[in-house]
Amino acid sequence: MFNEILGLPAHPLIIHFAVVLTPLLAGVSAAHALVPRIRPHLGWAVVLLAVAAPAAVFAARQSGGALKEARFSQVEGELGRRIAEHQSFALPLLLTTASLGVASLLSVYLARTKTNVPAWVSTAVTAVTVVLAVAAGYYVFRAGDSGARAVWGL
């Protein structure tokens, strides 16, 4: 399923969704959490990205494993080291993006609910959302950078 798209390796095609959607989720969810006056305008985008970004990262991770198995399973030396470094960022990126998605959905829920929620709960959700946004941004950068370095030999 994650091997090829129209005869091309799927990973280089799929990663672009993860590389675009993850920073968008990080930025939009942080803005939603930190700037109350724009929350009504960003809720729909946060919900959409909270689902799409983790799905894209999951597909990128799966397609990367399939690509490695199909074409790079026997690679050693410098290229093997670069591929292993790139692969090492996949799980942390998936976990932080999925966690950010959950925190973002909770943030939207709390912003739209009419029930009284203690202030510390809203503050905690905001803090967790912002920390996870930074972490997801870090890991998507590291995964993308290490992947580019592996491919281009930089």
Protein backbone atom coordinates (compact mmCIF):
# COMPACT_ATOMS: atom_id res chain seq x y z
CA MET A 1 0.00 0.00 0.00
CA PHE A 2 2.81 2.43 0.82
CA ASN A 3 5.30 1.17 -1.77
CA GLU A 4 4.48 2.98 -4.99
CA ILE A 5 2.22 5.61 -6.52
CA LEU A 6 1.89 5.38 -10.30
CA GLY A 7 5.14 3.41 -10.48
CA LEU A 8 7.13 5.90 -8.40
CA PRO A 9 8.36 5.31 -4.85
CA ALA A 10 5.60 6.58 -2.58
CA HIS A 11 7.81 8.04 0.17
CA PRO A 12 9.20 11.05 -1.72
CA LEU A 13 5.65 11.92 -2.78
CA ILE A 14 3.96 11.39 0.60
CA ILE A 15 6.51 13.23 2.71
CA HIS A 16 5.52 16.53 1.16
CA PHE A 17 2.13 16.28 2.87
CA ALA A 18 3.83 15.73 6.25
CA VAL A 19 6.37 18.50 5.66
CA VAL A 20 3.62 21.01 4.82
CA LEU A 21 0.81 19.94 7.16
CA THR A 22 2.86 19.47 10.34
CA PRO A 23 4.23 23.05 10.50
CA LEU A 24 0.79 24.33 9.57
CA LEU A 25 -0.73 22.38 12.45
CA ALA A 26 1.98 23.67 14.80
CA GLY A 27 1.48 27.30 13.82
CA VAL A 28 -2.30 27.30 13.66
CA SER A 29 -2.75 25.36 16.89
CA ALA A 30 -0.29 27.60 18.76
CA ALA A 31 -2.05 30.69 17.44
CA HIS A 32 -5.43 29.24 18.41
CA ALA A 33 -4.18 28.45 21.90
CA LEU A 34 -2.42 31.77 22.51
CA VAL A 35 -4.65 34.38 20.82
CA PRO A 36 -8.24 34.15 22.07
CA ARG A 37 -9.67 36.74 19.66
CA ILE A 38 -8.81 34.63 16.59
CA ARG A 39 -10.11 31.33 17.96
CA PRO A 40 -13.49 31.56 16.22
CA HIS A 41 -11.75 31.96 12.87
CA LEU A 42 -9.19 29.17 13.31
CA GLY A 43 -11.23 26.39 14.89
CA TRP A 44 -12.10 24.69 11.61
CA ALA A 45 -8.46 24.79 10.41
CA VAL A 46 -7.19 23.37 13.70
CA VAL A 47 -9.66 20.48 13.55
CA LEU A 48 -8.84 19.71 9.91
CA LEU A 49 -5.07 19.87 10.47
CA ALA A 50 -5.27 17.93 13.75
CA VAL A 51 -6.53 14.97 11.74
CA ALA A 52 -4.64 15.46 8.46
CA ALA A 53 -1.12 16.13 9.80
CA PRO A 54 -0.81 12.97 11.95
CA ALA A 55 -2.28 10.93 9.09
CA ALA A 56 0.30 12.39 6.70
CA VAL A 57 3.15 11.68 9.14
CA PHE A 58 1.89 8.12 9.62
CA ALA A 59 1.78 7.58 5.85
CA ALA A 60 5.26 9.08 5.48
CA ARG A 61 6.64 6.77 8.17
CA GLN A 62 5.03 3.70 6.62
CA SER A 63 6.17 4.60 3.10
CA GLY A 64 9.68 5.27 4.39
CA GLY A 65 9.85 1.81 5.92
CA ALA A 66 8.59 0.30 2.68
CA LEU A 67 11.16 2.24 0.64
CA LYS A 68 14.00 1.19 2.92
CA GLU A 69 12.94 -2.45 2.76
CA ALA A 70 12.52 -2.43 -1.02
CA ARG A 71 15.63 -0.50 -2.04
CA PHE A 72 17.97 0.20 0.85
CA SER A 73 17.85 -2.81 3.18
CA GLN A 74 21.44 -3.84 2.40
CA VAL A 75 22.98 -0.35 2.39
CA GLU A 76 25.91 0.16 4.73
CA GLY A 77 28.53 2.83 5.30
CA GLU A 78 27.82 6.55 5.20
CA LEU A 79 24.54 6.23 3.29
CA GLY A 80 23.33 3.56 5.71
CA ARG A 81 24.19 5.82 8.64
CA ARG A 82 22.31 8.74 7.06
CA ILE A 83 19.25 6.63 6.38
CA ALA A 84 19.28 5.33 9.96
CA GLU A 85 19.56 8.87 11.31
CA HIS A 86 16.66 9.97 9.11
CA GLN A 87 14.58 6.99 10.18
CA SER A 88 15.29 7.73 13.86
CA PHE A 89 13.15 10.89 13.64
CA ALA A 90 10.06 9.12 12.29
CA LEU A 91 8.60 7.82 15.55
CA PRO A 92 9.23 10.99 17.61
CA LEU A 93 7.67 13.03 14.80
CA LEU A 94 4.63 10.76 14.68
CA LEU A 95 4.19 10.82 18.46
CA THR A 96 4.56 14.59 18.79
CA THR A 97 2.30 15.31 15.82
CA ALA A 98 -0.40 12.92 17.04
CA SER A 99 -0.14 14.36 20.56
CA LEU A 100 -0.35 17.88 19.16
CA GLY A 101 -3.43 16.84 17.21
CA VAL A 102 -5.11 15.61 20.39
CA ALA A 103 -4.09 18.70 22.38
CA SER A 104 -5.31 20.94 19.56
CA LEU A 105 -8.68 19.22 19.42
CA LEU A 106 -8.98 19.60 23.17
CA SER A 107 -8.09 23.28 22.85
CA VAL A 108 -10.84 23.79 20.26
CA TYR A 109 -13.31 21.88 22.40
CA LEU A 110 -12.51 23.98 25.47
CA ALA A 111 -12.77 27.21 23.47
CA ARG A 112 -16.23 26.25 22.15
CA THR A 113 -17.75 24.63 25.20
CA LYS A 114 -20.07 26.70 27.35
CA THR A 115 -19.36 24.79 30.56
CA ASN A 116 -17.25 26.33 33.26
CA VAL A 117 -13.75 24.96 33.03
CA PRO A 118 -11.24 25.92 35.72
CA ALA A 119 -8.69 28.44 34.47
CA TRP A 120 -5.81 26.12 35.28
CA VAL A 121 -7.18 23.51 32.85
CA SER A 122 -7.27 26.01 29.98
CA THR A 123 -3.80 27.24 30.91
CA ALA A 124 -2.44 23.69 31.04
CA VAL A 125 -3.96 22.81 27.65
CA THR A 126 -2.52 26.00 26.16
CA ALA A 127 0.94 25.26 27.59
CA VAL A 128 0.90 21.65 26.41
CA THR A 129 -0.29 22.68 22.96
CA VAL A 130 2.49 25.25 22.56
CA VAL A 131 5.19 22.85 23.82
CA LEU A 132 3.97 20.12 21.47
CA ALA A 133 3.83 22.59 18.57
CA VAL A 134 7.49 23.46 19.15
CA ALA A 135 8.42 19.78 19.48
CA ALA A 136 6.56 18.79 16.31
CA GLY A 137 8.19 21.68 14.45
CA TYR A 138 11.60 20.54 15.67
CA TYR A 139 11.08 16.93 14.64
CA VAL A 140 9.62 17.73 11.22
CA PHE A 141 12.63 19.95 10.55
CA ARG A 142 15.10 17.30 11.72
CA ALA A 143 13.37 14.53 9.74
CA GLY A 144 13.24 16.64 6.58
CA ASP A 145 16.79 17.89 6.93
CA SER A 146 18.25 14.45 7.59
CA GLY A 147 16.25 12.99 4.69
CA ALA A 148 17.52 15.66 2.32
CA ARG A 149 21.08 15.11 3.52
CA ALA A 150 20.73 11.35 3.00
CA VAL A 151 19.42 11.81 -0.53
CA TRP A 152 21.70 14.60 -1.65
CA GLY A 153 24.81 13.52 0.28
CA LEU A 154 25.24 16.86 2.04
